[in-house]
Amino acid sequence: MISLDEAVTARLESHGARFEVLVDPDAALAIKRGEFDGDLEEVIAAEDVFENASRGDRPAESDVEDVFDTTEPLQIIPEVIQRGEIQITAEQRREMQERKRRQLINRIARNAINPQMDDAPHPPDRIESALEQTDFRIDPMQPVEPQVDDALDALRPVIPIRFEEVTMAVQIPAEHAGSAQAQIRSFGDLEREEWQADGSWIGVLTFPAGMRNDFYEVVNEHSSGEADTRLVRDEDDLRTR
């Protein structure tokens, strides 16, 4: 369960009665869109249905039965959310907006590069500063992903930016290969791998270009800085290893 401070109220009025439930705001939006596939008990603040959640008042059991044909809260809660309205205070809206703004900035930073600087990643601080120069404002009531394209459109007049993937080849020496390859292979999409006669491991991975510095950090951490990495531009480049 979540804390009361984290929850928003979903309210349904039906048959002359009011029903309220306390739920995580992002989960409430996902449930309303039919996209929630998690554990309901982990995203509610109370396994209960209220007439007035702020006072803790509960509706008459007969009203609950009339509207939902059950008194089981875990069956009623999603229905209240889907059929009702999500009540968000001004403070909760500000908090949701700031949280999603940070998620958006991090999402762009992990995927975007600067085409005028040898495809170097844009640090989050640069993206944040550039966004502040635009009219773009994150919608706290919508998922982050669909808002990324609008944010990029707003950013392009301010900084050179585009989304791109890179393919990197990495060779780990034999003394580190056993443990390091398990960590490295999960960093992106593993295109191919080879174990060499000397016990070293070669992996070719594709991932968002903005994560290249993170990739180098992972490789160096798990190979004691002894790995060899190379940007793969085409098949010929890979064969020159």
Protein backbone atom coordinates (compact mmCIF):
# COMPACT_ATOMS: atom_id res chain seq x y z
CA MET A 1 0.00 0.00 0.00
CA ILE A 2 0.97 3.64 -0.42
CA SER A 3 0.79 6.40 2.17
CA LEU A 4 -2.16 8.77 2.44
CA ASP A 5 0.13 11.64 1.44
CA GLU A 6 0.84 9.93 -1.89
CA ALA A 7 -2.78 9.15 -2.73
CA VAL A 8 -5.42 11.01 -4.68
CA THR A 9 -9.17 10.55 -4.35
CA ALA A 10 -11.25 8.92 -7.07
CA ARG A 11 -14.95 9.75 -6.69
CA LEU A 12 -18.07 8.22 -8.20
CA GLU A 13 -21.60 9.53 -7.62
CA SER A 14 -24.37 7.08 -8.50
CA HIS A 15 -27.87 6.22 -7.32
CA GLY A 16 -27.86 9.27 -5.06
CA ALA A 17 -24.76 8.06 -3.17
CA ARG A 18 -21.08 9.00 -3.28
CA PHE A 19 -18.16 6.56 -3.27
CA GLU A 20 -14.50 7.52 -2.83
CA VAL A 21 -11.28 5.51 -2.92
CA LEU A 22 -7.66 6.46 -2.26
CA VAL A 23 -5.16 5.50 -4.94
CA ASP A 24 -1.77 6.37 -6.42
CA PRO A 25 -2.32 9.09 -9.08
CA ASP A 26 -0.35 7.41 -11.87
CA ALA A 27 -2.03 4.07 -11.18
CA ALA A 28 -5.42 5.78 -11.20
CA LEU A 29 -4.74 7.21 -14.64
CA ALA A 30 -3.53 3.82 -15.90
CA ILE A 31 -6.65 2.10 -14.53
CA LYS A 32 -8.87 4.72 -16.14
CA ARG A 33 -7.16 4.12 -19.51
CA GLY A 34 -7.39 0.33 -19.08
CA GLU A 35 -3.60 0.02 -19.03
CA PHE A 36 -2.96 -1.05 -15.43
CA ASP A 37 -1.53 -4.54 -15.01
CA GLY A 38 0.01 -4.32 -11.55
CA ASP A 39 -1.06 -5.36 -8.07
CA LEU A 40 -3.97 -3.16 -6.97
CA GLU A 41 -3.13 -3.60 -3.28
CA GLU A 42 0.26 -1.95 -3.88
CA VAL A 43 -1.21 1.27 -5.33
CA ILE A 44 -4.04 2.02 -2.90
CA ALA A 45 -3.86 3.77 0.46
CA ALA A 46 -6.75 1.82 1.99
CA GLU A 47 -8.55 -1.38 1.07
CA ASP A 48 -11.81 0.38 1.64
CA VAL A 49 -14.56 2.41 -0.03
CA PHE A 50 -15.63 5.70 1.57
CA GLU A 51 -18.49 8.12 1.31
CA ASN A 52 -16.08 10.87 2.35
CA ALA A 53 -12.45 9.74 2.39
CA SER A 54 -11.13 12.86 4.16
CA ARG A 55 -13.42 12.19 7.14
CA GLY A 56 -13.27 8.39 6.93
CA ASP A 57 -17.05 8.13 6.50
CA ARG A 58 -18.30 4.97 4.78
CA PRO A 59 -21.43 4.60 2.60
CA ALA A 60 -24.34 2.43 3.60
CA GLU A 61 -23.74 -1.21 2.71
CA SER A 62 -27.08 -1.30 0.91
CA ASP A 63 -25.95 1.57 -1.36
CA VAL A 64 -22.72 -0.28 -2.13
CA GLU A 65 -24.64 -3.43 -3.04
CA ASP A 66 -27.10 -1.49 -5.23
CA VAL A 67 -24.38 0.16 -7.29
CA PHE A 68 -21.68 -2.52 -7.49
CA ASP A 69 -23.48 -5.83 -6.78
CA THR A 70 -20.71 -6.59 -4.26
CA THR A 71 -19.19 -5.21 -1.07
CA GLU A 72 -15.67 -6.45 -1.88
CA PRO A 73 -13.42 -3.33 -1.94
CA LEU A 74 -10.83 -4.75 -4.37
CA GLN A 75 -13.60 -5.30 -6.92
CA ILE A 76 -15.19 -1.92 -6.29
CA ILE A 77 -12.05 0.28 -6.30
CA PRO A 78 -11.20 -0.14 -10.02
CA GLU A 79 -14.84 0.51 -10.95
CA VAL A 80 -14.94 3.73 -8.93
CA ILE A 81 -11.78 4.88 -10.72
CA GLN A 82 -12.98 3.89 -14.20
CA ARG A 83 -16.49 5.31 -13.88
CA GLY A 84 -15.72 8.25 -11.62
CA GLU A 85 -13.49 11.32 -11.55
CA ILE A 86 -9.99 11.65 -10.15
CA GLN A 87 -9.82 14.47 -7.60
CA ILE A 88 -6.40 16.14 -7.46
CA THR A 89 -5.49 19.07 -5.23
CA ALA A 90 -3.38 21.94 -6.55
CA GLU A 91 -0.41 20.71 -4.49
CA GLN A 92 -0.78 17.15 -5.78
CA ARG A 93 -0.97 18.47 -9.34
CA ARG A 94 2.25 20.47 -8.85
CA GLU A 95 4.00 17.42 -7.41
CA MET A 96 2.83 15.20 -10.28
CA GLN A 97 3.89 17.80 -12.82
CA GLU A 98 7.37 18.12 -11.32
CA ARG A 99 7.83 14.34 -11.08
CA LYS A 100 6.81 13.84 -14.70
CA ARG A 101 8.96 16.76 -15.81
CA ARG A 102 11.99 15.04 -14.28
CA GLN A 103 11.00 11.76 -15.93
CA LEU A 104 10.68 13.52 -19.28
CA ILE A 105 14.08 15.19 -18.97
CA ASN A 106 15.75 11.91 -18.01
CA ARG A 107 13.97 10.09 -20.85
CA ILE A 108 15.26 12.62 -23.39
CA ALA A 109 18.76 12.65 -21.90
CA ARG A 110 19.00 8.85 -22.17
CA ASN A 111 18.01 8.83 -25.83
CA ALA A 112 19.09 12.12 -27.38
CA ILE A 113 22.39 13.22 -28.89
CA ASN A 114 23.91 16.47 -30.13
CA PRO A 115 24.48 16.05 -33.90
CA GLN A 116 26.76 19.10 -33.95
CA MET A 117 29.14 17.69 -31.31
CA ASP A 118 30.07 14.27 -32.70
CA ASP A 119 26.77 12.82 -31.48
CA ALA A 120 27.68 13.46 -27.84
CA PRO A 121 24.88 13.01 -25.28
CA HIS A 122 23.04 16.03 -23.92
CA PRO A 123 23.35 16.22 -20.11
CA PRO A 124 20.01 16.46 -18.25
CA ASP A 125 20.89 19.96 -16.99
CA ARG A 126 21.26 21.20 -20.58
CA ILE A 127 17.92 19.72 -21.58
CA GLU A 128 16.24 21.22 -18.51
CA SER A 129 17.71 24.65 -19.24
CA ALA A 130 16.62 24.46 -22.88
CA LEU A 131 13.07 23.39 -21.95
CA GLU A 132 12.78 26.43 -19.70
CA GLN A 133 13.32 28.59 -22.80
CA THR A 134 10.31 27.05 -24.55
CA ASP A 135 6.56 27.18 -24.09
CA PHE A 136 6.37 23.43 -23.49
CA ARG A 137 4.68 22.35 -20.28
CA ILE A 138 4.28 18.74 -19.19
CA ASP A 139 0.73 17.52 -18.69
CA PRO A 140 0.62 15.76 -15.30
CA MET A 141 -2.53 13.89 -16.31
CA GLN A 142 -0.93 12.16 -19.29
CA PRO A 143 1.85 9.53 -19.52
CA VAL A 144 5.34 10.86 -20.21
CA GLU A 145 6.01 8.82 -23.36
CA PRO A 146 3.39 10.44 -25.64
CA GLN A 147 4.68 13.89 -24.62
CA VAL A 148 8.28 13.27 -25.66
CA ASP A 149 7.74 14.17 -29.34
CA ASP A 150 6.11 17.49 -28.41
CA ALA A 151 9.01 18.26 -26.08
CA LEU A 152 11.53 17.49 -28.84
CA ASP A 153 9.67 19.76 -31.27
CA ALA A 154 9.91 22.53 -28.68
CA LEU A 155 13.61 21.87 -28.02
CA ARG A 156 14.86 21.79 -31.63
CA PRO A 157 14.81 25.57 -32.16
CA VAL A 158 16.82 25.95 -28.94
CA ILE A 159 19.46 23.19 -29.13
CA PRO A 160 20.58 20.72 -31.83
CA ILE A 161 19.03 17.42 -30.77
CA ARG A 162 17.82 14.14 -32.18
CA PHE A 163 17.03 10.64 -30.98
CA GLU A 164 19.37 7.94 -32.19
CA GLU A 165 20.62 4.48 -31.31
CA VAL A 166 24.24 3.34 -31.39
CA THR A 167 25.77 -0.08 -31.74
CA MET A 168 28.87 -0.76 -29.66
CA ALA A 169 31.24 -3.71 -29.73
CA VAL A 170 33.05 -4.57 -26.51
CA GLN A 171 35.76 -7.11 -25.78
CA ILE A 172 36.29 -8.20 -22.17
CA PRO A 173 39.59 -9.90 -21.22
CA ALA A 174 39.34 -13.48 -20.00
CA GLU A 175 40.03 -12.62 -16.35
CA HIS A 176 36.90 -10.44 -16.21
CA ALA A 177 34.73 -12.02 -18.90
CA GLY A 178 32.81 -14.47 -16.70
CA SER A 179 31.23 -11.90 -14.39
CA ALA A 180 31.38 -8.80 -16.61
CA GLN A 181 29.54 -10.16 -19.63
CA ALA A 182 26.45 -10.97 -17.55
CA GLN A 183 26.19 -7.31 -16.51
CA ILE A 184 27.07 -5.83 -19.89
CA ARG A 185 24.76 -8.00 -21.98
CA SER A 186 21.74 -6.61 -20.14
CA PHE A 187 22.62 -2.98 -20.90
CA GLY A 188 20.99 -2.96 -24.33
CA ASP A 189 19.84 -5.27 -27.11
CA LEU A 190 22.53 -7.93 -27.54
CA GLU A 191 22.99 -8.29 -31.30
CA ARG A 192 25.67 -10.98 -31.13
CA GLU A 193 28.30 -12.45 -28.85
CA GLU A 194 31.39 -14.60 -29.22
CA TRP A 195 33.69 -16.38 -26.80
CA GLN A 196 37.27 -16.24 -28.06
CA ALA A 197 39.90 -18.99 -27.83
CA ASP A 198 41.79 -16.97 -25.20
CA GLY A 199 38.69 -16.86 -22.95
CA SER A 200 37.77 -13.26 -23.73
CA TRP A 201 34.19 -12.29 -24.58
CA ILE A 202 33.00 -10.08 -27.41
CA GLY A 203 29.52 -8.59 -27.37
CA VAL A 204 27.75 -6.26 -29.80
CA LEU A 205 24.94 -4.22 -28.25
CA THR A 206 22.50 -1.58 -29.49
CA PHE A 207 21.06 1.04 -27.13
CA PRO A 208 19.99 4.73 -27.09
CA ALA A 209 22.87 6.99 -28.08
CA GLY A 210 22.42 9.21 -25.04
CA MET A 211 23.38 6.28 -22.81
CA ARG A 212 26.86 5.87 -24.31
CA ASN A 213 28.66 7.39 -21.30
CA ASP A 214 26.66 5.13 -18.98
CA PHE A 215 27.72 2.17 -21.10
CA TYR A 216 31.41 3.08 -20.76
CA GLU A 217 30.98 3.36 -16.98
CA VAL A 218 29.37 -0.09 -16.75
CA VAL A 219 32.06 -1.65 -18.95
CA ASN A 220 34.92 -0.05 -17.02
CA GLU A 221 33.42 -0.92 -13.65
CA HIS A 222 33.08 -4.60 -14.48
CA SER A 223 36.36 -4.98 -16.37
CA SER A 224 38.64 -2.88 -14.14
CA GLY A 225 39.11 -0.55 -17.10
CA GLU A 226 40.71 -3.27 -19.24
CA ALA A 227 37.94 -3.71 -21.81
CA ASP A 228 38.15 -2.59 -25.43
CA THR A 229 35.12 -0.81 -26.91
CA ARG A 230 34.36 0.38 -30.41
CA LEU A 231 31.49 2.18 -32.10
CA VAL A 232 30.10 -0.04 -34.86
CA ARG A 233 28.99 1.93 -37.90
CA ASP A 234 28.62 -0.97 -40.32
CA GLU A 235 29.55 -4.62 -40.78
CA ASP A 236 32.96 -3.73 -42.22
CA ASP A 237 33.78 -1.73 -39.13
CA LEU A 238 32.90 -4.73 -36.96
CA ARG A 239 35.12 -7.06 -39.00
CA THR A 240 38.16 -4.77 -38.50
CA ARG A 241 38.34 -5.70 -34.84
